[in-house]
Amino acid sequence: MGKLVSIYLQINQIDEGLDGAPGLFLMILFTFLVLLVFLILICALVIILVGLLLGLISLGILSTSILVGLKNKSINSGFRIFFILSNSFISGLFFTGLFWILNGYYNWYESNLIYVFVGILNVIIGVITGNFMYKFFKNILDIIITKLKFSPNHIR
């Protein structure tokens, strides 16, 4: 029994020496809380700025297509420019980002200049697919219009 009391007293003596800075844990906790709040604010700000940037780009594409349509006095040219610009932007952004992720994983190229080349290539691909999409939607719209005009059940 004496040995057990001796061990108990040694444990209590060790524990009493470790309680030197009780406020240190609270300071660390407060620091992590402040860092977490700043991280959330920065993420929210980045999301807002990216949304604003995408909105401005979309408005630029839309206004450019409207101005081209008004200048040429043709709705078709406005829609064509809209399809070409939107496909160029979307394909350039998407495929360059995809290439960036794949290049980071597989380490194909070391130079960052390759991203410029891939971006330009994707814009060219976007122009080509934009032309195809414009022609496709124009043909679909022509088919729908002819079906509506010559439909026997067409109500005026």
C-alpha atoms as a PDB file:
ATOM      1  CA  MET A   1       0.000   0.000   0.000  1.00  0.00           C
ATOM      2  CA  GLY A   2       2.872   2.351   0.720  1.00  0.00           C
ATOM      3  CA  LYS A   3       4.242   1.827  -2.756  1.00  0.00           C
ATOM      4  CA  LEU A   4       0.873   2.693  -4.316  1.00  0.00           C
ATOM      5  CA  VAL A   5       0.638   5.939  -2.348  1.00  0.00           C
ATOM      6  CA  SER A   6       4.177   6.794  -3.388  1.00  0.00           C
ATOM      7  CA  ILE A   7       3.333   6.327  -7.094  1.00  0.00           C
ATOM      8  CA  TYR A   8       0.174   8.414  -6.659  1.00  0.00           C
ATOM      9  CA  LEU A   9       2.128  11.249  -5.111  1.00  0.00           C
ATOM     10  CA  GLN A  10       4.690  11.147  -7.923  1.00  0.00           C
ATOM     11  CA  ILE A  11       1.938  11.403 -10.554  1.00  0.00           C
ATOM     12  CA  ASN A  12       0.396  14.379  -8.761  1.00  0.00           C
ATOM     13  CA  GLN A  13       3.755  16.112  -8.553  1.00  0.00           C
ATOM     14  CA  ILE A  14       4.315  15.662 -12.299  1.00  0.00           C
ATOM     15  CA  ASP A  15       0.839  17.002 -13.169  1.00  0.00           C
ATOM     16  CA  GLU A  16       1.259  20.126 -11.065  1.00  0.00           C
ATOM     17  CA  GLY A  17       4.331  21.204 -13.016  1.00  0.00           C
ATOM     18  CA  LEU A  18       2.604  21.089 -16.438  1.00  0.00           C
ATOM     19  CA  ASP A  19      -0.027  23.726 -15.702  1.00  0.00           C
ATOM     20  CA  GLY A  20       2.167  26.723 -16.455  1.00  0.00           C
ATOM     21  CA  ALA A  21       0.243  28.469 -19.268  1.00  0.00           C
ATOM     22  CA  PRO A  22      -3.522  27.957 -19.082  1.00  0.00           C
ATOM     23  CA  GLY A  23      -4.294  30.843 -21.476  1.00  0.00           C
ATOM     24  CA  LEU A  24      -2.047  29.528 -24.234  1.00  0.00           C
ATOM     25  CA  PHE A  25      -4.671  27.081 -25.471  1.00  0.00           C
ATOM     26  CA  LEU A  26      -7.253  29.857 -25.674  1.00  0.00           C
ATOM     27  CA  MET A  27      -4.846  32.048 -27.638  1.00  0.00           C
ATOM     28  CA  ILE A  28      -4.170  29.251 -30.116  1.00  0.00           C
ATOM     29  CA  LEU A  29      -7.896  28.542 -30.422  1.00  0.00           C
ATOM     30  CA  PHE A  30      -8.636  32.233 -31.023  1.00  0.00           C
ATOM     31  CA  THR A  31      -5.886  32.407 -33.665  1.00  0.00           C
ATOM     32  CA  PHE A  32      -7.310  29.427 -35.534  1.00  0.00           C
ATOM     33  CA  LEU A  33     -10.779  30.951 -35.332  1.00  0.00           C
ATOM     34  CA  VAL A  34      -9.544  34.240 -36.812  1.00  0.00           C
ATOM     35  CA  LEU A  35      -7.697  32.367 -39.573  1.00  0.00           C
ATOM     36  CA  LEU A  36     -10.822  30.358 -40.357  1.00  0.00           C
ATOM     37  CA  VAL A  37     -12.939  33.516 -40.587  1.00  0.00           C
ATOM     38  CA  PHE A  38     -10.402  35.155 -42.916  1.00  0.00           C
ATOM     39  CA  LEU A  39     -10.235  32.013 -45.056  1.00  0.00           C
ATOM     40  CA  ILE A  40     -14.015  31.975 -45.417  1.00  0.00           C
ATOM     41  CA  LEU A  41     -14.053  35.683 -46.301  1.00  0.00           C
ATOM     42  CA  ILE A  42     -11.315  35.252 -48.895  1.00  0.00           C
ATOM     43  CA  CYS A  43     -13.124  32.290 -50.484  1.00  0.00           C
ATOM     44  CA  ALA A  44     -16.370  34.270 -50.623  1.00  0.00           C
ATOM     45  CA  LEU A  45     -14.572  37.243 -52.163  1.00  0.00           C
ATOM     46  CA  VAL A  46     -12.932  35.046 -54.801  1.00  0.00           C
ATOM     47  CA  ILE A  47     -16.277  33.450 -55.682  1.00  0.00           C
ATOM     48  CA  ILE A  48     -17.901  36.878 -55.997  1.00  0.00           C
ATOM     49  CA  LEU A  49     -15.071  38.224 -58.160  1.00  0.00           C
ATOM     50  CA  VAL A  50     -15.076  35.180 -60.449  1.00  0.00           C
ATOM     51  CA  GLY A  51     -18.848  35.471 -60.825  1.00  0.00           C
ATOM     52  CA  LEU A  52     -18.506  39.166 -61.610  1.00  0.00           C
ATOM     53  CA  LEU A  53     -15.803  38.456 -64.175  1.00  0.00           C
ATOM     54  CA  LEU A  54     -17.875  35.756 -65.866  1.00  0.00           C
ATOM     55  CA  GLY A  55     -20.891  38.066 -65.879  1.00  0.00           C
ATOM     56  CA  LEU A  56     -18.907  40.857 -67.518  1.00  0.00           C
ATOM     57  CA  ILE A  57     -17.523  38.471 -70.124  1.00  0.00           C
ATOM     58  CA  SER A  58     -21.028  37.178 -70.862  1.00  0.00           C
ATOM     59  CA  LEU A  59     -22.350  40.714 -71.224  1.00  0.00           C
ATOM     60  CA  GLY A  60     -19.443  41.533 -73.532  1.00  0.00           C
ATOM     61  CA  ILE A  61     -20.186  38.541 -75.736  1.00  0.00           C
ATOM     62  CA  LEU A  62     -23.879  39.397 -75.823  1.00  0.00           C
ATOM     63  CA  SER A  63     -23.347  43.079 -76.587  1.00  0.00           C
ATOM     64  CA  THR A  64     -20.793  42.279 -79.277  1.00  0.00           C
ATOM     65  CA  SER A  65     -23.179  39.919 -81.009  1.00  0.00           C
ATOM     66  CA  ILE A  66     -25.984  42.496 -80.810  1.00  0.00           C
ATOM     67  CA  LEU A  67     -23.758  45.232 -82.244  1.00  0.00           C
ATOM     68  CA  VAL A  68     -22.573  43.001 -85.086  1.00  0.00           C
ATOM     69  CA  GLY A  69     -26.171  42.043 -85.837  1.00  0.00           C
ATOM     70  CA  LEU A  70     -27.228  45.699 -85.886  1.00  0.00           C
ATOM     71  CA  LYS A  71     -24.264  46.752 -88.019  1.00  0.00           C
ATOM     72  CA  ASN A  72     -24.876  44.045 -90.601  1.00  0.00           C
ATOM     73  CA  LYS A  73     -28.668  44.468 -90.299  1.00  0.00           C
ATOM     74  CA  SER A  74     -28.934  40.720 -89.893  1.00  0.00           C
ATOM     75  CA  ILE A  75     -30.083  38.654 -86.956  1.00  0.00           C
ATOM     76  CA  ASN A  76     -28.246  35.651 -88.360  1.00  0.00           C
ATOM     77  CA  SER A  77     -24.857  37.348 -88.206  1.00  0.00           C
ATOM     78  CA  GLY A  78     -25.514  38.377 -84.610  1.00  0.00           C
ATOM     79  CA  PHE A  79     -26.403  34.825 -83.636  1.00  0.00           C
ATOM     80  CA  ARG A  80     -23.409  33.500 -85.534  1.00  0.00           C
ATOM     81  CA  ILE A  81     -21.043  35.805 -83.649  1.00  0.00           C
ATOM     82  CA  PHE A  82     -22.758  34.854 -80.386  1.00  0.00           C
ATOM     83  CA  PHE A  83     -22.215  31.136 -81.002  1.00  0.00           C
ATOM     84  CA  ILE A  84     -18.624  31.622 -82.123  1.00  0.00           C
ATOM     85  CA  LEU A  85     -17.618  33.858 -79.208  1.00  0.00           C
ATOM     86  CA  SER A  86     -19.357  31.812 -76.546  1.00  0.00           C
ATOM     87  CA  ASN A  87     -17.919  28.537 -77.842  1.00  0.00           C
ATOM     88  CA  SER A  88     -14.455  30.049 -78.125  1.00  0.00           C
ATOM     89  CA  PHE A  89     -14.580  31.314 -74.558  1.00  0.00           C
ATOM     90  CA  ILE A  90     -16.057  28.152 -73.071  1.00  0.00           C
ATOM     91  CA  SER A  91     -13.795  25.739 -74.933  1.00  0.00           C
ATOM     92  CA  GLY A  92     -10.728  27.867 -74.285  1.00  0.00           C
ATOM     93  CA  LEU A  93     -11.459  28.074 -70.582  1.00  0.00           C
ATOM     94  CA  PHE A  94     -12.559  24.479 -70.106  1.00  0.00           C
ATOM     95  CA  PHE A  95      -9.926  22.663 -72.122  1.00  0.00           C
ATOM     96  CA  THR A  96      -7.050  24.849 -70.953  1.00  0.00           C
ATOM     97  CA  GLY A  97      -8.088  24.146 -67.367  1.00  0.00           C
ATOM     98  CA  LEU A  98      -8.406  20.454 -68.143  1.00  0.00           C
ATOM     99  CA  PHE A  99      -4.957  20.440 -69.740  1.00  0.00           C
ATOM    100  CA  TRP A 100      -3.562  22.293 -66.716  1.00  0.00           C
ATOM    101  CA  ILE A 101      -4.940  19.625 -64.371  1.00  0.00           C
ATOM    102  CA  LEU A 102      -3.713  16.745 -66.539  1.00  0.00           C
ATOM    103  CA  ASN A 103      -0.296  18.343 -67.011  1.00  0.00           C
ATOM    104  CA  GLY A 104       0.000  18.795 -63.261  1.00  0.00           C
ATOM    105  CA  TYR A 105      -0.737  15.127 -62.756  1.00  0.00           C
ATOM    106  CA  TYR A 106       1.252  13.580 -65.604  1.00  0.00           C
ATOM    107  CA  ASN A 107       4.011  16.250 -65.957  1.00  0.00           C
ATOM    108  CA  TRP A 108       3.977  16.302 -69.748  1.00  0.00           C
ATOM    109  CA  TYR A 109       5.484  19.775 -70.169  1.00  0.00           C
ATOM    110  CA  GLU A 110       7.596  21.866 -67.819  1.00  0.00           C
ATOM    111  CA  SER A 111       7.150  25.268 -69.494  1.00  0.00           C
ATOM    112  CA  ASN A 112       4.139  27.472 -68.797  1.00  0.00           C
ATOM    113  CA  LEU A 113       4.203  28.670 -72.402  1.00  0.00           C
ATOM    114  CA  ILE A 114       2.390  25.492 -73.402  1.00  0.00           C
ATOM    115  CA  TYR A 115      -0.765  26.829 -71.717  1.00  0.00           C
ATOM    116  CA  VAL A 116      -0.780  29.812 -74.074  1.00  0.00           C
ATOM    117  CA  PHE A 117      -0.453  27.461 -77.039  1.00  0.00           C
ATOM    118  CA  VAL A 118      -3.228  25.208 -75.738  1.00  0.00           C
ATOM    119  CA  GLY A 119      -5.443  28.244 -75.085  1.00  0.00           C
ATOM    120  CA  ILE A 120      -4.961  29.549 -78.631  1.00  0.00           C
ATOM    121  CA  LEU A 121      -5.590  26.084 -80.048  1.00  0.00           C
ATOM    122  CA  ASN A 122      -8.773  25.762 -78.017  1.00  0.00           C
ATOM    123  CA  VAL A 123     -10.015  29.155 -79.196  1.00  0.00           C
ATOM    124  CA  ILE A 124      -9.504  28.016 -82.793  1.00  0.00           C
ATOM    125  CA  ILE A 125     -11.386  24.812 -82.013  1.00  0.00           C
ATOM    126  CA  GLY A 126     -14.096  26.945 -80.391  1.00  0.00           C
ATOM    127  CA  VAL A 127     -14.456  29.022 -83.555  1.00  0.00           C
ATOM    128  CA  ILE A 128     -14.835  25.883 -85.648  1.00  0.00           C
ATOM    129  CA  THR A 129     -17.352  24.289 -83.287  1.00  0.00           C
ATOM    130  CA  GLY A 130     -19.173  27.627 -82.984  1.00  0.00           C
ATOM    131  CA  ASN A 131     -19.650  27.695 -86.744  1.00  0.00           C
ATOM    132  CA  PHE A 132     -20.906  24.117 -86.712  1.00  0.00           C
ATOM    133  CA  MET A 133     -23.283  24.834 -83.843  1.00  0.00           C
ATOM    134  CA  TYR A 134     -24.613  27.925 -85.598  1.00  0.00           C
ATOM    135  CA  LYS A 135     -25.286  25.950 -88.767  1.00  0.00           C
ATOM    136  CA  PHE A 136     -26.855  23.120 -86.777  1.00  0.00           C
ATOM    137  CA  PHE A 137     -29.191  25.404 -84.833  1.00  0.00           C
ATOM    138  CA  LYS A 138     -30.029  27.352 -87.971  1.00  0.00           C
ATOM    139  CA  ASN A 139     -31.024  24.147 -89.765  1.00  0.00           C
ATOM    140  CA  ILE A 140     -33.055  22.966 -86.776  1.00  0.00           C
ATOM    141  CA  LEU A 141     -34.789  26.341 -86.591  1.00  0.00           C
ATOM    142  CA  ASP A 142     -35.523  26.268 -90.328  1.00  0.00           C
ATOM    143  CA  ILE A 143     -37.048  22.801 -89.965  1.00  0.00           C
ATOM    144  CA  ILE A 144     -39.214  23.947 -87.059  1.00  0.00           C
ATOM    145  CA  ILE A 145     -40.354  27.053 -88.957  1.00  0.00           C
ATOM    146  CA  THR A 146     -41.261  25.059 -92.064  1.00  0.00           C
ATOM    147  CA  LYS A 147     -43.183  22.548 -89.957  1.00  0.00           C
ATOM    148  CA  LEU A 148     -45.132  25.363 -88.314  1.00  0.00           C
ATOM    149  CA  LYS A 149     -45.876  27.149 -91.596  1.00  0.00           C
ATOM    150  CA  PHE A 150     -47.129  24.121 -93.487  1.00  0.00           C
ATOM    151  CA  SER A 151     -48.863  22.367 -90.634  1.00  0.00           C
ATOM    152  CA  PRO A 152     -52.552  21.739 -91.425  1.00  0.00           C
ATOM    153  CA  ASN A 153     -53.489  22.360 -87.800  1.00  0.00           C
ATOM    154  CA  HIS A 154     -51.707  25.697 -87.657  1.00  0.00           C
ATOM    155  CA  ILE A 155     -53.836  28.320 -85.916  1.00  0.00           C
ATOM    156  CA  ARG A 156     -53.297  31.962 -86.800  1.00  0.00           C
END
